[in-house]
Amino acid sequence: MTWGPYWMFYQCTTCGKKFRQALDDTDIDQLGKCPACKIKGELKAESNNYPSDANDYEIV
């Protein structure tokens, strides 16, 4: 049985893009980096405390 991916929810401080990454799917060097700016985003939430607007975060 699997519980599914553990999501990390970020928002870019430069462009404002909201994105999420799965810990089991993301290279440690890319974790938290905005897909548009390639700059480390601000951690907003995690799977253990989903944000109310989780669907607004793009999966990368």
PDB file of N, CA and C in Angstrom:
ATOM      1  N   MET A   1       0.841  -1.183   0.000  1.00  0.00           N
ATOM      2  CA  MET A   1       0.000   0.000   0.000  1.00  0.00           C
ATOM      3  C   MET A   1       0.884   1.243   0.000  1.00  0.00           C
ATOM      4  N   THR A   2       0.473   2.215  -0.744  1.00  0.00           N
ATOM      5  CA  THR A   2       1.228   3.474  -0.821  1.00  0.00           C
ATOM      6  C   THR A   2       0.328   4.626  -0.377  1.00  0.00           C
ATOM      7  N   TRP A   3       0.938   5.615   0.192  1.00  0.00           N
ATOM      8  CA  TRP A   3       0.196   6.790   0.661  1.00  0.00           C
ATOM      9  C   TRP A   3       0.233   7.923  -0.360  1.00  0.00           C
ATOM     10  N   GLY A   4       0.978   7.751  -1.424  1.00  0.00           N
ATOM     11  CA  GLY A   4       1.083   8.782  -2.444  1.00  0.00           C
ATOM     12  C   GLY A   4       2.237   9.727  -2.166  1.00  0.00           C
ATOM     13  N   PRO A   5       2.426  10.715  -3.023  1.00  0.00           N
ATOM     14  CA  PRO A   5       3.564  11.623  -2.891  1.00  0.00           C
ATOM     15  C   PRO A   5       3.405  12.593  -1.715  1.00  0.00           C
ATOM     16  N   TYR A   6       4.517  13.037  -1.222  1.00  0.00           N
ATOM     17  CA  TYR A   6       4.530  14.080  -0.184  1.00  0.00           C
ATOM     18  C   TYR A   6       4.813  15.391  -0.890  1.00  0.00           C
ATOM     19  N   TRP A   7       3.852  16.300  -0.903  1.00  0.00           N
ATOM     20  CA  TRP A   7       3.944  17.556  -1.639  1.00  0.00           C
ATOM     21  C   TRP A   7       4.548  18.680  -0.801  1.00  0.00           C
ATOM     22  N   MET A   8       5.350  19.492  -1.451  1.00  0.00           N
ATOM     23  CA  MET A   8       5.888  20.726  -0.890  1.00  0.00           C
ATOM     24  C   MET A   8       5.325  21.850  -1.761  1.00  0.00           C
ATOM     25  N   PHE A   9       4.687  22.837  -1.152  1.00  0.00           N
ATOM     26  CA  PHE A   9       4.044  23.943  -1.864  1.00  0.00           C
ATOM     27  C   PHE A   9       4.890  25.207  -1.713  1.00  0.00           C
ATOM     28  N   TYR A  10       5.234  25.824  -2.843  1.00  0.00           N
ATOM     29  CA  TYR A  10       6.105  26.999  -2.852  1.00  0.00           C
ATOM     30  C   TYR A  10       5.463  28.148  -3.615  1.00  0.00           C
ATOM     31  N   GLN A  11       5.936  29.364  -3.337  1.00  0.00           N
ATOM     32  CA  GLN A  11       5.588  30.528  -4.140  1.00  0.00           C
ATOM     33  C   GLN A  11       6.876  31.282  -4.404  1.00  0.00           C
ATOM     34  N   CYS A  12       7.103  31.633  -5.665  1.00  0.00           N
ATOM     35  CA  CYS A  12       8.309  32.362  -6.060  1.00  0.00           C
ATOM     36  C   CYS A  12       8.238  33.793  -5.525  1.00  0.00           C
ATOM     37  N   THR A  13       9.305  34.239  -4.901  1.00  0.00           N
ATOM     38  CA  THR A  13       9.343  35.606  -4.370  1.00  0.00           C
ATOM     39  C   THR A  13       9.624  36.630  -5.465  1.00  0.00           C
ATOM     40  N   THR A  14      10.072  36.166  -6.628  1.00  0.00           N
ATOM     41  CA  THR A  14      10.369  37.074  -7.736  1.00  0.00           C
ATOM     42  C   THR A  14       9.166  37.277  -8.659  1.00  0.00           C
ATOM     43  N   CYS A  15       8.612  36.175  -9.176  1.00  0.00           N
ATOM     44  CA  CYS A  15       7.515  36.291 -10.153  1.00  0.00           C
ATOM     45  C   CYS A  15       6.134  35.991  -9.560  1.00  0.00           C
ATOM     46  N   GLY A  16       6.080  35.433  -8.350  1.00  0.00           N
ATOM     47  CA  GLY A  16       4.810  35.153  -7.706  1.00  0.00           C
ATOM     48  C   GLY A  16       4.174  33.831  -8.087  1.00  0.00           C
ATOM     49  N   LYS A  17       4.815  33.061  -8.968  1.00  0.00           N
ATOM     50  CA  LYS A  17       4.275  31.782  -9.416  1.00  0.00           C
ATOM     51  C   LYS A  17       4.134  30.818  -8.236  1.00  0.00           C
ATOM     52  N   LYS A  18       2.987  30.122  -8.186  1.00  0.00           N
ATOM     53  CA  LYS A  18       2.754  29.096  -7.168  1.00  0.00           C
ATOM     54  C   LYS A  18       3.012  27.739  -7.812  1.00  0.00           C
ATOM     55  N   PHE A  19       3.797  26.907  -7.133  1.00  0.00           N
ATOM     56  CA  PHE A  19       4.115  25.595  -7.672  1.00  0.00           C
ATOM     57  C   PHE A  19       4.292  24.597  -6.539  1.00  0.00           C
ATOM     58  N   ARG A  20       4.145  23.315  -6.892  1.00  0.00           N
ATOM     59  CA  ARG A  20       4.353  22.261  -5.904  1.00  0.00           C
ATOM     60  C   ARG A  20       5.220  21.165  -6.506  1.00  0.00           C
ATOM     61  N   GLN A  21       5.976  20.533  -5.625  1.00  0.00           N
ATOM     62  CA  GLN A  21       6.872  19.467  -6.040  1.00  0.00           C
ATOM     63  C   GLN A  21       6.726  18.297  -5.079  1.00  0.00           C
ATOM     64  N   ALA A  22       6.813  17.092  -5.621  1.00  0.00           N
ATOM     65  CA  ALA A  22       6.753  15.886  -4.803  1.00  0.00           C
ATOM     66  C   ALA A  22       8.175  15.527  -4.369  1.00  0.00           C
ATOM     67  N   LEU A  23       8.344  15.231  -3.109  1.00  0.00           N
ATOM     68  CA  LEU A  23       9.667  14.895  -2.592  1.00  0.00           C
ATOM     69  C   LEU A  23      10.257  13.668  -3.269  1.00  0.00           C
ATOM     70  N   ASP A  24       9.437  12.688  -3.587  1.00  0.00           N
ATOM     71  CA  ASP A  24       9.955  11.457  -4.185  1.00  0.00           C
ATOM     72  C   ASP A  24      10.247  11.587  -5.675  1.00  0.00           C
ATOM     73  N   ASP A  25       9.846  12.684  -6.278  1.00  0.00           N
ATOM     74  CA  ASP A  25       9.982  12.883  -7.730  1.00  0.00           C
ATOM     75  C   ASP A  25      10.979  13.973  -8.117  1.00  0.00           C
ATOM     76  N   THR A  26      11.493  14.725  -7.163  1.00  0.00           N
ATOM     77  CA  THR A  26      12.276  15.918  -7.455  1.00  0.00           C
ATOM     78  C   THR A  26      13.734  15.738  -7.029  1.00  0.00           C
ATOM     79  N   ASP A  27      14.638  16.102  -7.915  1.00  0.00           N
ATOM     80  CA  ASP A  27      16.063  16.096  -7.604  1.00  0.00           C
ATOM     81  C   ASP A  27      16.314  17.120  -6.497  1.00  0.00           C
ATOM     82  N   ILE A  28      17.124  16.781  -5.536  1.00  0.00           N
ATOM     83  CA  ILE A  28      17.363  17.647  -4.379  1.00  0.00           C
ATOM     84  C   ILE A  28      17.882  19.027  -4.802  1.00  0.00           C
ATOM     85  N   ASP A  29      18.615  19.115  -5.895  1.00  0.00           N
ATOM     86  CA  ASP A  29      19.122  20.413  -6.368  1.00  0.00           C
ATOM     87  C   ASP A  29      18.022  21.294  -6.950  1.00  0.00           C
ATOM     88  N   GLN A  30      16.936  20.690  -7.403  1.00  0.00           N
ATOM     89  CA  GLN A  30      15.822  21.430  -7.999  1.00  0.00           C
ATOM     90  C   GLN A  30      14.695  21.710  -7.015  1.00  0.00           C
ATOM     91  N   LEU A  31      14.738  21.088  -5.857  1.00  0.00           N
ATOM     92  CA  LEU A  31      13.663  21.234  -4.885  1.00  0.00           C
ATOM     93  C   LEU A  31      13.503  22.689  -4.443  1.00  0.00           C
ATOM     94  N   GLY A  32      12.311  23.212  -4.617  1.00  0.00           N
ATOM     95  CA  GLY A  32      11.999  24.575  -4.212  1.00  0.00           C
ATOM     96  C   GLY A  32      12.327  25.644  -5.231  1.00  0.00           C
ATOM     97  N   LYS A  33      12.911  25.267  -6.361  1.00  0.00           N
ATOM     98  CA  LYS A  33      13.259  26.258  -7.384  1.00  0.00           C
ATOM     99  C   LYS A  33      12.088  26.493  -8.321  1.00  0.00           C
ATOM    100  N   CYS A  34      11.799  27.749  -8.561  1.00  0.00           N
ATOM    101  CA  CYS A  34      10.718  28.150  -9.457  1.00  0.00           C
ATOM    102  C   CYS A  34      11.010  27.627 -10.869  1.00  0.00           C
ATOM    103  N   PRO A  35      10.016  27.001 -11.520  1.00  0.00           N
ATOM    104  CA  PRO A  35      10.238  26.506 -12.881  1.00  0.00           C
ATOM    105  C   PRO A  35      10.443  27.630 -13.900  1.00  0.00           C
ATOM    106  N   ALA A  36       9.979  28.832 -13.599  1.00  0.00           N
ATOM    107  CA  ALA A  36      10.130  29.957 -14.513  1.00  0.00           C
ATOM    108  C   ALA A  36      11.434  30.723 -14.274  1.00  0.00           C
ATOM    109  N   CYS A  37      11.713  31.059 -13.007  1.00  0.00           N
ATOM    110  CA  CYS A  37      12.858  31.911 -12.668  1.00  0.00           C
ATOM    111  C   CYS A  37      14.109  31.146 -12.252  1.00  0.00           C
ATOM    112  N   LYS A  38      13.928  29.888 -11.872  1.00  0.00           N
ATOM    113  CA  LYS A  38      15.032  29.053 -11.364  1.00  0.00           C
ATOM    114  C   LYS A  38      15.616  29.595 -10.069  1.00  0.00           C
ATOM    115  N   ILE A  39      14.793  30.344  -9.315  1.00  0.00           N
ATOM    116  CA  ILE A  39      15.192  30.912  -8.028  1.00  0.00           C
ATOM    117  C   ILE A  39      14.422  30.172  -6.943  1.00  0.00           C
ATOM    118  N   LYS A  40      15.051  29.972  -5.804  1.00  0.00           N
ATOM    119  CA  LYS A  40      14.411  29.271  -4.681  1.00  0.00           C
ATOM    120  C   LYS A  40      13.161  30.032  -4.235  1.00  0.00           C
ATOM    121  N   GLY A  41      12.034  29.316  -4.185  1.00  0.00           N
ATOM    122  CA  GLY A  41      10.778  29.905  -3.753  1.00  0.00           C
ATOM    123  C   GLY A  41      10.604  29.797  -2.248  1.00  0.00           C
ATOM    124  N   GLU A  42       9.584  30.450  -1.752  1.00  0.00           N
ATOM    125  CA  GLU A  42       9.264  30.427  -0.327  1.00  0.00           C
ATOM    126  C   GLU A  42       8.318  29.256  -0.052  1.00  0.00           C
ATOM    127  N   LEU A  43       8.678  28.412   0.908  1.00  0.00           N
ATOM    128  CA  LEU A  43       7.839  27.283   1.284  1.00  0.00           C
ATOM    129  C   LEU A  43       6.568  27.805   1.953  1.00  0.00           C
ATOM    130  N   LYS A  44       5.419  27.410   1.404  1.00  0.00           N
ATOM    131  CA  LYS A  44       4.129  27.873   1.924  1.00  0.00           C
ATOM    132  C   LYS A  44       3.395  26.794   2.717  1.00  0.00           C
ATOM    133  N   ALA A  45       3.544  25.527   2.308  1.00  0.00           N
ATOM    134  CA  ALA A  45       2.827  24.438   2.972  1.00  0.00           C
ATOM    135  C   ALA A  45       3.447  23.105   2.578  1.00  0.00           C
ATOM    136  N   GLU A  46       2.984  22.052   3.256  1.00  0.00           N
ATOM    137  CA  GLU A  46       3.413  20.686   2.964  1.00  0.00           C
ATOM    138  C   GLU A  46       2.193  19.776   2.994  1.00  0.00           C
ATOM    139  N   SER A  47       2.393  18.538   2.592  1.00  0.00           N
ATOM    140  CA  SER A  47       1.294  17.566   2.563  1.00  0.00           C
ATOM    141  C   SER A  47       0.611  17.402   3.909  1.00  0.00           C
ATOM    142  N   ASN A  48       1.342  17.514   4.984  1.00  0.00           N
ATOM    143  CA  ASN A  48       0.729  17.316   6.290  1.00  0.00           C
ATOM    144  C   ASN A  48      -0.155  18.494   6.709  1.00  0.00           C
ATOM    145  N   ASN A  49      -0.123  19.589   5.945  1.00  0.00           N
ATOM    146  CA  ASN A  49      -0.947  20.771   6.222  1.00  0.00           C
ATOM    147  C   ASN A  49      -1.252  21.475   4.900  1.00  0.00           C
ATOM    148  N   TYR A  50      -2.112  20.846   4.087  1.00  0.00           N
ATOM    149  CA  TYR A  50      -2.442  21.369   2.756  1.00  0.00           C
ATOM    150  C   TYR A  50      -2.968  22.801   2.842  1.00  0.00           C
ATOM    151  N   PRO A  51      -2.555  23.644   1.876  1.00  0.00           N
ATOM    152  CA  PRO A  51      -3.129  24.989   1.819  1.00  0.00           C
ATOM    153  C   PRO A  51      -4.566  24.919   1.298  1.00  0.00           C
ATOM    154  N   SER A  52      -5.375  25.875   1.651  1.00  0.00           N
ATOM    155  CA  SER A  52      -6.783  25.876   1.207  1.00  0.00           C
ATOM    156  C   SER A  52      -6.893  26.061  -0.307  1.00  0.00           C
ATOM    157  N   ASP A  53      -5.878  26.663  -0.909  1.00  0.00           N
ATOM    158  CA  ASP A  53      -5.877  26.894  -2.353  1.00  0.00           C
ATOM    159  C   ASP A  53      -4.914  25.946  -3.085  1.00  0.00           C
ATOM    160  N   ALA A  54      -4.822  24.696  -2.652  1.00  0.00           N
ATOM    161  CA  ALA A  54      -3.851  23.724  -3.199  1.00  0.00           C
ATOM    162  C   ALA A  54      -3.952  23.572  -4.714  1.00  0.00           C
ATOM    163  N   ASN A  55      -5.133  23.696  -5.267  1.00  0.00           N
ATOM    164  CA  ASN A  55      -5.300  23.544  -6.723  1.00  0.00           C
ATOM    165  C   ASN A  55      -4.712  24.713  -7.508  1.00  0.00           C
ATOM    166  N   ASP A  56      -4.375  25.803  -6.848  1.00  0.00           N
ATOM    167  CA  ASP A  56      -3.755  26.949  -7.522  1.00  0.00           C
ATOM    168  C   ASP A  56      -2.261  26.747  -7.758  1.00  0.00           C
ATOM    169  N   TYR A  57      -1.701  25.705  -7.170  1.00  0.00           N
ATOM    170  CA  TYR A  57      -0.267  25.435  -7.284  1.00  0.00           C
ATOM    171  C   TYR A  57      -0.014  24.485  -8.443  1.00  0.00           C
ATOM    172  N   GLU A  58       0.806  24.923  -9.410  1.00  0.00           N
ATOM    173  CA  GLU A  58       1.140  24.118 -10.577  1.00  0.00           C
ATOM    174  C   GLU A  58       2.059  22.964 -10.172  1.00  0.00           C
ATOM    175  N   ILE A  59       1.816  21.790 -10.713  1.00  0.00           N
ATOM    176  CA  ILE A  59       2.683  20.644 -10.447  1.00  0.00           C
ATOM    177  C   ILE A  59       3.875  20.718 -11.374  1.00  0.00           C
ATOM    178  N   VAL A  60       5.067  20.678 -10.786  1.00  0.00           N
ATOM    179  CA  VAL A  60       6.300  20.678 -11.592  1.00  0.00           C
ATOM    180  C   VAL A  60       7.135  19.472 -11.268  1.00  0.00           C
TER     181      VAL A  60
END
